[in-house]
Amino acid sequence: MGELRASKPLTCKYHINVEDEFFSEENGQVYRNGKIFRHCVDVKTGKLMSRELIKTNRALVMYDVSNIKVIELEKS
């Protein structure tokens, strides 16, 4: 959890969300994949003002994955 500080009130609040997340196995290693978005929501109305793709993530998993659904990707 983070905190955003400003000298004046902000007009929107920010949320970071992961979408299309899945775990894949490639060459015997498991990766966590997903798209990370920043949403800007108007403080007064609650309306979504913007949605920005920050990063497409592919990170090596270093913890136990025995209880996680892992997709085996085809080798290219």
PDB file of N, CA and C in Angstrom:
ATOM      1  N   MET A   1       0.853  -1.157   0.000  1.00  0.00           N
ATOM      2  CA  MET A   1       0.000   0.000   0.000  1.00  0.00           C
ATOM      3  C   MET A   1       0.905   1.227   0.000  1.00  0.00           C
ATOM      4  N   GLY A   2       0.601   2.187  -0.828  1.00  0.00           N
ATOM      5  CA  GLY A   2       1.394   3.405  -0.920  1.00  0.00           C
ATOM      6  C   GLY A   2       0.577   4.621  -0.564  1.00  0.00           C
ATOM      7  N   GLU A   3       1.242   5.734  -0.552  1.00  0.00           N
ATOM      8  CA  GLU A   3       0.583   6.997  -0.201  1.00  0.00           C
ATOM      9  C   GLU A   3       1.063   8.062  -1.162  1.00  0.00           C
ATOM     10  N   LEU A   4       0.137   8.890  -1.638  1.00  0.00           N
ATOM     11  CA  LEU A   4       0.446   9.990  -2.534  1.00  0.00           C
ATOM     12  C   LEU A   4       0.179  11.289  -1.787  1.00  0.00           C
ATOM     13  N   ARG A   5       1.188  12.168  -1.716  1.00  0.00           N
ATOM     14  CA  ARG A   5       1.030  13.445  -1.011  1.00  0.00           C
ATOM     15  C   ARG A   5       1.104  14.596  -2.001  1.00  0.00           C
ATOM     16  N   ALA A   6       0.334  15.659  -1.723  1.00  0.00           N
ATOM     17  CA  ALA A   6       0.318  16.830  -2.600  1.00  0.00           C
ATOM     18  C   ALA A   6       0.061  18.085  -1.771  1.00  0.00           C
ATOM     19  N   SER A   7       0.488  19.223  -2.299  1.00  0.00           N
ATOM     20  CA  SER A   7       0.307  20.490  -1.587  1.00  0.00           C
ATOM     21  C   SER A   7      -1.122  21.027  -1.712  1.00  0.00           C
ATOM     22  N   LYS A   8      -1.900  20.540  -2.698  1.00  0.00           N
ATOM     23  CA  LYS A   8      -3.307  20.914  -2.841  1.00  0.00           C
ATOM     24  C   LYS A   8      -4.136  19.661  -3.090  1.00  0.00           C
ATOM     25  N   PRO A   9      -5.431  19.748  -2.836  1.00  0.00           N
ATOM     26  CA  PRO A   9      -6.296  18.580  -3.055  1.00  0.00           C
ATOM     27  C   PRO A   9      -6.239  18.096  -4.501  1.00  0.00           C
ATOM     28  N   LEU A  10      -6.228  16.784  -4.675  1.00  0.00           N
ATOM     29  CA  LEU A  10      -6.195  16.203  -6.011  1.00  0.00           C
ATOM     30  C   LEU A  10      -7.617  16.055  -6.552  1.00  0.00           C
ATOM     31  N   THR A  11      -7.739  16.146  -7.865  1.00  0.00           N
ATOM     32  CA  THR A  11      -9.057  16.005  -8.496  1.00  0.00           C
ATOM     33  C   THR A  11      -9.377  14.540  -8.791  1.00  0.00           C
ATOM     34  N   CYS A  12      -8.358  13.695  -8.752  1.00  0.00           N
ATOM     35  CA  CYS A  12      -8.629  12.278  -8.981  1.00  0.00           C
ATOM     36  C   CYS A  12      -7.793  11.430  -8.038  1.00  0.00           C
ATOM     37  N   LYS A  13      -8.283  10.203  -7.824  1.00  0.00           N
ATOM     38  CA  LYS A  13      -7.516   9.241  -7.032  1.00  0.00           C
ATOM     39  C   LYS A  13      -7.048   8.145  -7.977  1.00  0.00           C
ATOM     40  N   TYR A  14      -5.912   7.575  -7.660  1.00  0.00           N
ATOM     41  CA  TYR A  14      -5.289   6.596  -8.538  1.00  0.00           C
ATOM     42  C   TYR A  14      -5.407   5.192  -7.973  1.00  0.00           C
ATOM     43  N   HIS A  15      -5.610   4.239  -8.867  1.00  0.00           N
ATOM     44  CA  HIS A  15      -5.650   2.827  -8.512  1.00  0.00           C
ATOM     45  C   HIS A  15      -4.740   2.085  -9.492  1.00  0.00           C
ATOM     46  N   ILE A  16      -3.977   1.149  -8.981  1.00  0.00           N
ATOM     47  CA  ILE A  16      -3.138   0.293  -9.822  1.00  0.00           C
ATOM     48  C   ILE A  16      -3.774  -1.094  -9.833  1.00  0.00           C
ATOM     49  N   ASN A  17      -4.029  -1.611 -11.040  1.00  0.00           N
ATOM     50  CA  ASN A  17      -4.692  -2.906 -11.196  1.00  0.00           C
ATOM     51  C   ASN A  17      -3.918  -3.798 -12.156  1.00  0.00           C
ATOM     52  N   VAL A  18      -3.960  -5.092 -11.898  1.00  0.00           N
ATOM     53  CA  VAL A  18      -3.376  -6.069 -12.810  1.00  0.00           C
ATOM     54  C   VAL A  18      -4.522  -6.750 -13.550  1.00  0.00           C
ATOM     55  N   GLU A  19      -4.400  -6.850 -14.864  1.00  0.00           N
ATOM     56  CA  GLU A  19      -5.424  -7.496 -15.688  1.00  0.00           C
ATOM     57  C   GLU A  19      -4.775  -8.592 -16.527  1.00  0.00           C
ATOM     58  N   ASP A  20      -5.585  -9.525 -16.983  1.00  0.00           N
ATOM     59  CA  ASP A  20      -5.123 -10.630 -17.833  1.00  0.00           C
ATOM     60  C   ASP A  20      -3.957 -11.380 -17.186  1.00  0.00           C
ATOM     61  N   GLU A  21      -4.036 -11.583 -15.882  1.00  0.00           N
ATOM     62  CA  GLU A  21      -2.937 -12.230 -15.172  1.00  0.00           C
ATOM     63  C   GLU A  21      -3.014 -13.747 -15.304  1.00  0.00           C
ATOM     64  N   PHE A  22      -1.859 -14.374 -15.549  1.00  0.00           N
ATOM     65  CA  PHE A  22      -1.764 -15.824 -15.594  1.00  0.00           C
ATOM     66  C   PHE A  22      -0.334 -16.246 -15.289  1.00  0.00           C
ATOM     67  N   PHE A  23      -0.187 -17.511 -14.917  1.00  0.00           N
ATOM     68  CA  PHE A  23       1.117 -18.089 -14.637  1.00  0.00           C
ATOM     69  C   PHE A  23       1.457 -19.036 -15.784  1.00  0.00           C
ATOM     70  N   SER A  24       2.696 -18.960 -16.257  1.00  0.00           N
ATOM     71  CA  SER A  24       3.117 -19.830 -17.355  1.00  0.00           C
ATOM     72  C   SER A  24       4.402 -20.549 -16.991  1.00  0.00           C
ATOM     73  N   GLU A  25       4.542 -21.753 -17.564  1.00  0.00           N
ATOM     74  CA  GLU A  25       5.772 -22.513 -17.372  1.00  0.00           C
ATOM     75  C   GLU A  25       6.515 -22.563 -18.694  1.00  0.00           C
ATOM     76  N   GLU A  26       7.768 -22.159 -18.644  1.00  0.00           N
ATOM     77  CA  GLU A  26       8.611 -22.170 -19.833  1.00  0.00           C
ATOM     78  C   GLU A  26       9.977 -22.716 -19.450  1.00  0.00           C
ATOM     79  N   ASN A  27      10.385 -23.766 -20.129  1.00  0.00           N
ATOM     80  CA  ASN A  27      11.692 -24.385 -19.870  1.00  0.00           C
ATOM     81  C   ASN A  27      11.899 -24.715 -18.397  1.00  0.00           C
ATOM     82  N   GLY A  28      10.833 -25.225 -17.749  1.00  0.00           N
ATOM     83  CA  GLY A  28      10.935 -25.653 -16.356  1.00  0.00           C
ATOM     84  C   GLY A  28      10.852 -24.535 -15.327  1.00  0.00           C
ATOM     85  N   GLN A  29      10.637 -23.290 -15.756  1.00  0.00           N
ATOM     86  CA  GLN A  29      10.510 -22.178 -14.814  1.00  0.00           C
ATOM     87  C   GLN A  29       9.129 -21.547 -14.949  1.00  0.00           C
ATOM     88  N   VAL A  30       8.586 -21.045 -13.826  1.00  0.00           N
ATOM     89  CA  VAL A  30       7.247 -20.460 -13.820  1.00  0.00           C
ATOM     90  C   VAL A  30       7.356 -18.939 -13.797  1.00  0.00           C
ATOM     91  N   TYR A  31       6.528 -18.297 -14.626  1.00  0.00           N
ATOM     92  CA  TYR A  31       6.497 -16.837 -14.727  1.00  0.00           C
ATOM     93  C   TYR A  31       5.091 -16.331 -14.421  1.00  0.00           C
ATOM     94  N   ARG A  32       5.029 -15.163 -13.784  1.00  0.00           N
ATOM     95  CA  ARG A  32       3.758 -14.481 -13.543  1.00  0.00           C
ATOM     96  C   ARG A  32       3.636 -13.414 -14.622  1.00  0.00           C
ATOM     97  N   ASN A  33       2.552 -13.465 -15.374  1.00  0.00           N
ATOM     98  CA  ASN A  33       2.337 -12.574 -16.508  1.00  0.00           C
ATOM     99  C   ASN A  33       1.092 -11.727 -16.284  1.00  0.00           C
ATOM    100  N   GLY A  34       1.094 -10.515 -16.769  1.00  0.00           N
ATOM    101  CA  GLY A  34      -0.090  -9.675 -16.664  1.00  0.00           C
ATOM    102  C   GLY A  34       0.174  -8.277 -17.194  1.00  0.00           C
ATOM    103  N   LYS A  35      -0.885  -7.505 -17.276  1.00  0.00           N
ATOM    104  CA  LYS A  35      -0.798  -6.110 -17.714  1.00  0.00           C
ATOM    105  C   LYS A  35      -1.140  -5.233 -16.522  1.00  0.00           C
ATOM    106  N   ILE A  36      -0.293  -4.259 -16.240  1.00  0.00           N
ATOM    107  CA  ILE A  36      -0.476  -3.379 -15.091  1.00  0.00           C
ATOM    108  C   ILE A  36      -1.007  -2.037 -15.592  1.00  0.00           C
ATOM    109  N   PHE A  37      -2.175  -1.641 -15.065  1.00  0.00           N
ATOM    110  CA  PHE A  37      -2.835  -0.404 -15.482  1.00  0.00           C
ATOM    111  C   PHE A  37      -2.938   0.580 -14.319  1.00  0.00           C
ATOM    112  N   ARG A  38      -2.898   1.874 -14.652  1.00  0.00           N
ATOM    113  CA  ARG A  38      -3.175   2.932 -13.680  1.00  0.00           C
ATOM    114  C   ARG A  38      -4.517   3.545 -14.070  1.00  0.00           C
ATOM    115  N   HIS A  39      -5.450   3.519 -13.130  1.00  0.00           N
ATOM    116  CA  HIS A  39      -6.761   4.132 -13.337  1.00  0.00           C
ATOM    117  C   HIS A  39      -6.820   5.429 -12.555  1.00  0.00           C
ATOM    118  N   CYS A  40      -7.344   6.471 -13.190  1.00  0.00           N
ATOM    119  CA  CYS A  40      -7.563   7.753 -12.524  1.00  0.00           C
ATOM    120  C   CYS A  40      -9.080   7.925 -12.385  1.00  0.00           C
ATOM    121  N   VAL A  41      -9.551   8.029 -11.143  1.00  0.00           N
ATOM    122  CA  VAL A  41     -10.983   8.130 -10.855  1.00  0.00           C
ATOM    123  C   VAL A  41     -11.279   9.508 -10.263  1.00  0.00           C
ATOM    124  N   ASP A  42     -12.269  10.202 -10.817  1.00  0.00           N
ATOM    125  CA  ASP A  42     -12.661  11.517 -10.322  1.00  0.00           C
ATOM    126  C   ASP A  42     -13.121  11.409  -8.869  1.00  0.00           C
ATOM    127  N   VAL A  43     -12.544  12.234  -7.996  1.00  0.00           N
ATOM    128  CA  VAL A  43     -12.844  12.180  -6.564  1.00  0.00           C
ATOM    129  C   VAL A  43     -14.306  12.505  -6.284  1.00  0.00           C
ATOM    130  N   LYS A  44     -14.869  13.470  -7.006  1.00  0.00           N
ATOM    131  CA  LYS A  44     -16.249  13.907  -6.739  1.00  0.00           C
ATOM    132  C   LYS A  44     -17.299  12.964  -7.317  1.00  0.00           C
ATOM    133  N   THR A  45     -17.094  12.495  -8.539  1.00  0.00           N
ATOM    134  CA  THR A  45     -18.131  11.709  -9.219  1.00  0.00           C
ATOM    135  C   THR A  45     -17.899  10.205  -9.167  1.00  0.00           C
ATOM    136  N   GLY A  46     -16.664   9.780  -8.938  1.00  0.00           N
ATOM    137  CA  GLY A  46     -16.341   8.359  -8.961  1.00  0.00           C
ATOM    138  C   GLY A  46     -16.194   7.820 -10.374  1.00  0.00           C
ATOM    139  N   LYS A  47     -16.260   8.698 -11.376  1.00  0.00           N
ATOM    140  CA  LYS A  47     -16.176   8.304 -12.779  1.00  0.00           C
ATOM    141  C   LYS A  47     -14.715   8.045 -13.165  1.00  0.00           C
ATOM    142  N   LEU A  48     -14.504   6.983 -13.957  1.00  0.00           N
ATOM    143  CA  LEU A  48     -13.173   6.672 -14.471  1.00  0.00           C
ATOM    144  C   LEU A  48     -12.773   7.731 -15.483  1.00  0.00           C
ATOM    145  N   MET A  49     -11.698   8.450 -15.197  1.00  0.00           N
ATOM    146  CA  MET A  49     -11.241   9.537 -16.075  1.00  0.00           C
ATOM    147  C   MET A  49     -10.207   9.048 -17.096  1.00  0.00           C
ATOM    148  N   SER A  50      -9.340   8.131 -16.669  1.00  0.00           N
ATOM    149  CA  SER A  50      -8.343   7.598 -17.600  1.00  0.00           C
ATOM    150  C   SER A  50      -7.907   6.214 -17.156  1.00  0.00           C
ATOM    151  N   ARG A  51      -7.431   5.464 -18.124  1.00  0.00           N
ATOM    152  CA  ARG A  51      -6.925   4.108 -17.899  1.00  0.00           C
ATOM    153  C   ARG A  51      -5.675   3.992 -18.746  1.00  0.00           C
ATOM    154  N   GLU A  52      -4.529   3.809 -18.093  1.00  0.00           N
ATOM    155  CA  GLU A  52      -3.251   3.811 -18.797  1.00  0.00           C
ATOM    156  C   GLU A  52      -2.486   2.520 -18.524  1.00  0.00           C
ATOM    157  N   LEU A  53      -2.057   1.855 -19.603  1.00  0.00           N
ATOM    158  CA  LEU A  53      -1.212   0.675 -19.460  1.00  0.00           C
ATOM    159  C   LEU A  53       0.177   1.146 -19.044  1.00  0.00           C
ATOM    160  N   ILE A  54       0.610   0.718 -17.868  1.00  0.00           N
ATOM    161  CA  ILE A  54       1.919   1.115 -17.361  1.00  0.00           C
ATOM    162  C   ILE A  54       2.985   0.133 -17.823  1.00  0.00           C
ATOM    163  N   LYS A  55       2.663  -1.158 -17.746  1.00  0.00           N
ATOM    164  CA  LYS A  55       3.674  -2.170 -18.046  1.00  0.00           C
ATOM    165  C   LYS A  55       3.018  -3.501 -18.367  1.00  0.00           C
ATOM    166  N   THR A  56       3.621  -4.229 -19.289  1.00  0.00           N
ATOM    167  CA  THR A  56       3.287  -5.633 -19.499  1.00  0.00           C
ATOM    168  C   THR A  56       4.335  -6.413 -18.726  1.00  0.00           C
ATOM    169  N   ASN A  57       3.877  -7.167 -17.744  1.00  0.00           N
ATOM    170  CA  ASN A  57       4.774  -7.794 -16.779  1.00  0.00           C
ATOM    171  C   ASN A  57       5.000  -9.270 -17.092  1.00  0.00           C
ATOM    172  N   ARG A  58       6.233  -9.713 -16.933  1.00  0.00           N
ATOM    173  CA  ARG A  58       6.604 -11.132 -17.019  1.00  0.00           C
ATOM    174  C   ARG A  58       7.734 -11.319 -16.017  1.00  0.00           C
ATOM    175  N   ALA A  59       7.395 -11.887 -14.854  1.00  0.00           N
ATOM    176  CA  ALA A  59       8.359 -12.000 -13.756  1.00  0.00           C
ATOM    177  C   ALA A  59       8.538 -13.447 -13.336  1.00  0.00           C
ATOM    178  N   LEU A  60       9.772 -13.841 -13.129  1.00  0.00           N
ATOM    179  CA  LEU A  60      10.089 -15.180 -12.658  1.00  0.00           C
ATOM    180  C   LEU A  60       9.546 -15.361 -11.245  1.00  0.00           C
ATOM    181  N   VAL A  61       8.811 -16.461 -11.018  1.00  0.00           N
ATOM    182  CA  VAL A  61       8.228 -16.748  -9.707  1.00  0.00           C
ATOM    183  C   VAL A  61       9.250 -17.518  -8.882  1.00  0.00           C
ATOM    184  N   MET A  62       9.488 -17.048  -7.663  1.00  0.00           N
ATOM    185  CA  MET A  62      10.493 -17.661  -6.796  1.00  0.00           C
ATOM    186  C   MET A  62       9.863 -18.309  -5.558  1.00  0.00           C
ATOM    187  N   TYR A  63       8.538 -18.525  -5.579  1.00  0.00           N
ATOM    188  CA  TYR A  63       7.862 -19.135  -4.443  1.00  0.00           C
ATOM    189  C   TYR A  63       7.138 -20.401  -4.890  1.00  0.00           C
ATOM    190  N   ASP A  64       6.616 -21.157  -3.931  1.00  0.00           N
ATOM    191  CA  ASP A  64       5.942 -22.422  -4.197  1.00  0.00           C
ATOM    192  C   ASP A  64       4.712 -22.197  -5.078  1.00  0.00           C
ATOM    193  N   VAL A  65       4.636 -22.893  -6.183  1.00  0.00           N
ATOM    194  CA  VAL A  65       3.513 -22.742  -7.113  1.00  0.00           C
ATOM    195  C   VAL A  65       2.646 -24.006  -7.181  1.00  0.00           C
ATOM    196  N   SER A  66       2.790 -24.888  -6.191  1.00  0.00           N
ATOM    197  CA  SER A  66       2.065 -26.161  -6.230  1.00  0.00           C
ATOM    198  C   SER A  66       0.545 -25.983  -6.169  1.00  0.00           C
ATOM    199  N   ASN A  67       0.043 -24.872  -5.640  1.00  0.00           N
ATOM    200  CA  ASN A  67      -1.405 -24.634  -5.543  1.00  0.00           C
ATOM    201  C   ASN A  67      -1.893 -23.577  -6.535  1.00  0.00           C
ATOM    202  N   ILE A  68      -1.098 -23.314  -7.556  1.00  0.00           N
ATOM    203  CA  ILE A  68      -1.428 -22.291  -8.557  1.00  0.00           C
ATOM    204  C   ILE A  68      -1.609 -22.953  -9.912  1.00  0.00           C
ATOM    205  N   LYS A  69      -2.638 -22.520 -10.647  1.00  0.00           N
ATOM    206  CA  LYS A  69      -2.854 -23.044 -12.001  1.00  0.00           C
ATOM    207  C   LYS A  69      -1.776 -22.434 -12.903  1.00  0.00           C
ATOM    208  N   VAL A  70      -0.982 -23.306 -13.514  1.00  0.00           N
ATOM    209  CA  VAL A  70       0.110 -22.873 -14.375  1.00  0.00           C
ATOM    210  C   VAL A  70      -0.151 -23.398 -15.784  1.00  0.00           C
ATOM    211  N   ILE A  71      -0.040 -22.520 -16.778  1.00  0.00           N
ATOM    212  CA  ILE A  71      -0.240 -22.877 -18.175  1.00  0.00           C
ATOM    213  C   ILE A  71       1.117 -23.195 -18.794  1.00  0.00           C
ATOM    214  N   GLU A  72       1.228 -24.361 -19.423  1.00  0.00           N
ATOM    215  CA  GLU A  72       2.479 -24.703 -20.094  1.00  0.00           C
ATOM    216  C   GLU A  72       2.432 -24.120 -21.507  1.00  0.00           C
ATOM    217  N   LEU A  73       3.350 -23.217 -21.783  1.00  0.00           N
ATOM    218  CA  LEU A  73       3.403 -22.603 -23.109  1.00  0.00           C
ATOM    219  C   LEU A  73       4.219 -23.465 -24.055  1.00  0.00           C
ATOM    220  N   GLU A  74       3.812 -23.440 -25.327  1.00  0.00           N
ATOM    221  CA  GLU A  74       4.550 -24.204 -26.330  1.00  0.00           C
ATOM    222  C   GLU A  74       5.925 -23.614 -26.539  1.00  0.00           C
ATOM    223  N   LYS A  75       6.894 -24.457 -26.749  1.00  0.00           N
ATOM    224  CA  LYS A  75       8.258 -23.988 -27.033  1.00  0.00           C
ATOM    225  C   LYS A  75       8.327 -23.554 -28.490  1.00  0.00           C
ATOM    226  N   SER A  76       8.946 -22.376 -28.703  1.00  0.00           N
ATOM    227  CA  SER A  76       9.042 -21.904 -30.099  1.00  0.00           C
ATOM    228  C   SER A  76      10.428 -22.051 -30.651  1.00  0.00           C
TER     229      SER A  76
END
